[in-house]
């Protein structure tokens, strides 16, 4: 039964990936990921995220292309306030992967995108001597098509995240990049 489920999951993944736009042979078109995004789902192995995952809400990000670098601004709702910050990410030798030493050593890599409506990012972060992993689903709108959510969950499980480590973030309007 596990084999059938895995086969169906891989078939779904292949089908959806075929629909996704080809990113090219080794070169990411950063203009396709520039702009405003909503972080609509997450998967994480970080104990601190897992302990407060029921308090987390949809966040916002804005990506600006600065030559080869990315300037990413975030608006993240936390209990009692809206936390805003930005980080500069520099490309690594791996296509689609960027590194930032702002707020801890972080690496992010584009896993999948259709170039228009969604992208899936895999992030690693070093914190207190541990390497933490996170997968994020970014969407151009606060509403995500169910098949994209299923694609995200499939990617998350392929990366070793369990159902308990995957969650869809509820929408919110209190914390925005263009607001207080």
Protein backbone atom coordinates (compact mmCIF):
# COMPACT_ATOMS: atom_id res chain seq x y z
CA UNK A 1 0.00 0.00 0.00
CA UNK A 2 2.87 2.37 0.81
CA UNK A 3 4.35 1.68 -2.64
CA UNK A 4 1.05 2.56 -4.35
CA UNK A 5 0.78 5.79 -2.33
CA UNK A 6 4.37 6.72 -3.13
CA UNK A 7 3.85 5.95 -6.81
CA UNK A 8 0.69 8.07 -6.94
CA UNK A 9 2.48 10.91 -5.12
CA UNK A 10 5.39 10.80 -7.54
CA UNK A 11 3.02 10.67 -10.51
CA UNK A 12 1.17 13.74 -9.17
CA UNK A 13 4.47 15.49 -8.62
CA UNK A 14 5.64 14.71 -12.16
CA UNK A 15 2.32 15.83 -13.66
CA UNK A 16 2.34 19.14 -11.79
CA UNK A 17 6.03 19.68 -12.49
CA UNK A 18 5.43 19.20 -16.23
CA UNK A 19 2.84 22.00 -15.99
CA UNK A 20 5.37 24.25 -14.28
CA UNK A 21 7.39 26.51 -16.51
CA UNK A 22 10.90 25.37 -17.41
CA UNK A 23 13.36 27.48 -15.45
CA UNK A 24 16.02 26.97 -18.08
CA UNK A 25 19.31 25.12 -18.07
CA UNK A 26 20.83 26.29 -14.82
CA UNK A 27 19.67 29.92 -14.92
CA UNK A 28 16.86 31.28 -12.78
CA UNK A 29 14.93 34.22 -14.21
CA UNK A 30 14.80 36.32 -11.05
CA UNK A 31 12.30 38.72 -12.63
CA UNK A 32 9.70 35.93 -12.38
CA UNK A 33 10.10 35.73 -8.60
CA UNK A 34 10.33 39.49 -8.00
CA UNK A 35 7.37 41.23 -6.39
CA UNK A 36 4.88 40.66 -3.59
CA UNK A 37 4.22 37.18 -2.19
CA UNK A 38 2.18 35.62 0.60
CA UNK A 39 3.72 32.79 2.62
CA UNK A 40 0.71 30.47 2.75
CA UNK A 41 2.09 27.15 4.03
CA UNK A 42 5.14 25.87 5.87
CA UNK A 43 6.88 22.70 6.90
CA UNK A 44 9.60 22.81 9.54
CA UNK A 45 11.69 20.63 11.81
CA UNK A 46 12.37 23.54 14.19
CA UNK A 47 11.07 22.80 17.69
CA UNK A 48 10.26 26.48 18.30
CA UNK A 49 8.09 26.64 15.16
CA UNK A 50 6.42 23.33 15.96
CA UNK A 51 5.59 24.47 19.50
CA UNK A 52 3.84 27.62 18.28
CA UNK A 53 2.58 26.55 14.87
CA UNK A 54 -1.04 27.07 15.95
CA UNK A 55 -0.26 30.76 16.60
CA UNK A 56 1.37 31.38 13.20
CA UNK A 57 -0.48 33.22 10.46
CA UNK A 58 0.13 34.00 6.81
CA UNK A 59 3.13 36.30 6.31
CA UNK A 60 4.11 38.56 3.43
CA UNK A 61 7.35 38.88 1.49
CA UNK A 62 8.54 41.24 -1.20
CA UNK A 63 11.46 40.29 -3.44
CA UNK A 64 13.51 42.94 -5.23
CA UNK A 65 16.26 42.00 -7.66
CA UNK A 66 19.51 43.93 -7.05
CA UNK A 67 21.78 42.80 -9.86
CA UNK A 68 22.42 39.16 -8.94
CA UNK A 69 21.38 39.63 -5.29
CA UNK A 70 17.87 39.48 -3.83
CA UNK A 71 16.56 41.97 -1.28
CA UNK A 72 13.73 40.24 0.57
CA UNK A 73 11.45 42.18 2.91
CA UNK A 74 9.19 40.29 5.32
CA UNK A 75 6.10 41.19 7.38
CA UNK A 76 5.47 38.42 9.88
CA UNK A 77 2.56 38.53 12.33
CA UNK A 78 3.54 37.57 15.86
CA UNK A 79 1.40 37.70 19.00
CA UNK A 80 0.94 41.38 19.79
CA UNK A 81 2.90 42.91 16.90
CA UNK A 82 3.88 42.89 13.24
CA UNK A 83 7.56 42.05 12.83
CA UNK A 84 9.15 43.58 9.72
CA UNK A 85 12.69 43.09 8.49
CA UNK A 86 14.69 42.66 5.31
CA UNK A 87 17.68 40.59 4.29
CA UNK A 88 20.05 40.55 1.34
CA UNK A 89 20.54 37.13 -0.23
CA UNK A 90 23.54 36.48 -2.49
CA UNK A 91 23.68 33.72 -5.10
CA UNK A 92 25.73 30.60 -4.36
CA UNK A 93 27.35 28.31 -6.94
CA UNK A 94 24.10 26.30 -7.11
CA UNK A 95 21.46 27.64 -9.52
CA UNK A 96 18.43 29.03 -7.68
CA UNK A 97 20.20 28.98 -4.29
CA UNK A 98 20.93 32.11 -2.23
CA UNK A 99 22.74 32.75 1.05
CA UNK A 100 22.30 35.39 3.75
CA UNK A 101 24.23 35.94 6.96
CA UNK A 102 21.62 38.48 8.19
CA UNK A 103 19.85 37.21 11.34
CA UNK A 104 21.81 33.92 11.32
CA UNK A 105 23.29 31.91 8.47
CA UNK A 106 20.51 31.02 6.03
CA UNK A 107 20.40 29.34 2.65
CA UNK A 108 17.28 29.34 0.48
CA UNK A 109 16.72 27.42 -2.72
CA UNK A 110 13.90 27.58 -5.23
CA UNK A 111 12.42 24.09 -5.44
CA UNK A 112 9.56 24.70 -7.86
CA UNK A 113 7.57 27.51 -9.46
CA UNK A 114 5.24 28.11 -12.35
CA UNK A 115 6.79 31.57 -12.70
CA UNK A 116 3.46 33.29 -12.14
CA UNK A 117 1.33 32.16 -9.20
CA UNK A 118 3.39 30.09 -6.75
CA UNK A 119 6.87 29.05 -5.71
CA UNK A 120 8.20 26.54 -3.21
CA UNK A 121 11.34 27.47 -1.29
CA UNK A 122 13.55 25.14 0.78
CA UNK A 123 15.46 26.96 3.52
CA UNK A 124 18.15 25.90 5.96
CA UNK A 125 19.27 27.92 8.95
CA UNK A 126 22.01 27.44 11.49
CA UNK A 127 20.81 28.17 15.01
CA UNK A 128 22.57 27.29 18.26
CA UNK A 129 24.78 24.78 16.47
CA UNK A 130 21.85 22.98 14.80
CA UNK A 131 20.83 23.00 11.14
CA UNK A 132 17.09 23.64 10.84
CA UNK A 133 15.06 22.97 7.68
CA UNK A 134 11.96 24.67 6.38
CA UNK A 135 9.87 24.43 3.25
CA UNK A 136 7.62 27.40 2.38
CA UNK A 137 4.82 27.82 -0.13
CA UNK A 138 4.68 31.34 -1.58
CA UNK A 139 1.63 32.55 -3.50
CA UNK A 140 0.87 35.77 -5.39
CA UNK A 141 -2.55 35.81 -3.68
CA UNK A 142 -3.82 34.78 -0.25
CA UNK A 143 -5.82 31.98 -1.87
CA UNK A 144 -3.96 28.95 -3.19
CA UNK A 145 -5.34 26.33 -5.56
CA UNK A 146 -5.83 22.96 -3.80
CA UNK A 147 -3.57 21.13 -6.28
CA UNK A 148 -0.70 23.53 -5.46
CA UNK A 149 -1.23 22.83 -1.74
CA UNK A 150 -1.07 19.09 -2.52
CA UNK A 151 2.10 19.65 -4.56
CA UNK A 152 3.61 21.46 -1.57
CA UNK A 153 2.66 18.64 0.79
CA UNK A 154 4.19 16.09 -1.62
CA UNK A 155 7.46 18.04 -1.77
CA UNK A 156 7.44 18.35 2.04
CA UNK A 157 7.02 14.60 2.53
CA UNK A 158 9.76 13.91 -0.02
CA UNK A 159 12.04 16.11 2.11
CA UNK A 160 11.22 14.04 5.20
CA UNK A 161 8.63 16.30 6.86
CA UNK A 162 5.77 14.48 8.60
CA UNK A 163 2.12 15.57 8.60
CA UNK A 164 2.66 17.12 12.06
CA UNK A 165 5.45 19.29 10.63
CA UNK A 166 3.32 20.64 7.74
CA UNK A 167 0.69 23.34 8.18
CA UNK A 168 -1.38 25.75 6.12
CA UNK A 169 -1.23 29.28 7.51
CA UNK A 170 -4.54 31.08 8.15
CA UNK A 171 -5.11 34.37 6.32
CA UNK A 172 -4.73 37.64 8.19
CA UNK A 173 -4.94 41.36 7.35
CA UNK A 174 -3.28 42.91 10.40
CA UNK A 175 0.37 42.58 9.30
CA UNK A 176 1.24 43.83 5.83
CA UNK A 177 4.35 45.15 4.12
CA UNK A 178 2.53 48.33 3.11
CA UNK A 179 0.85 48.91 6.47
CA UNK A 180 1.84 49.97 9.99
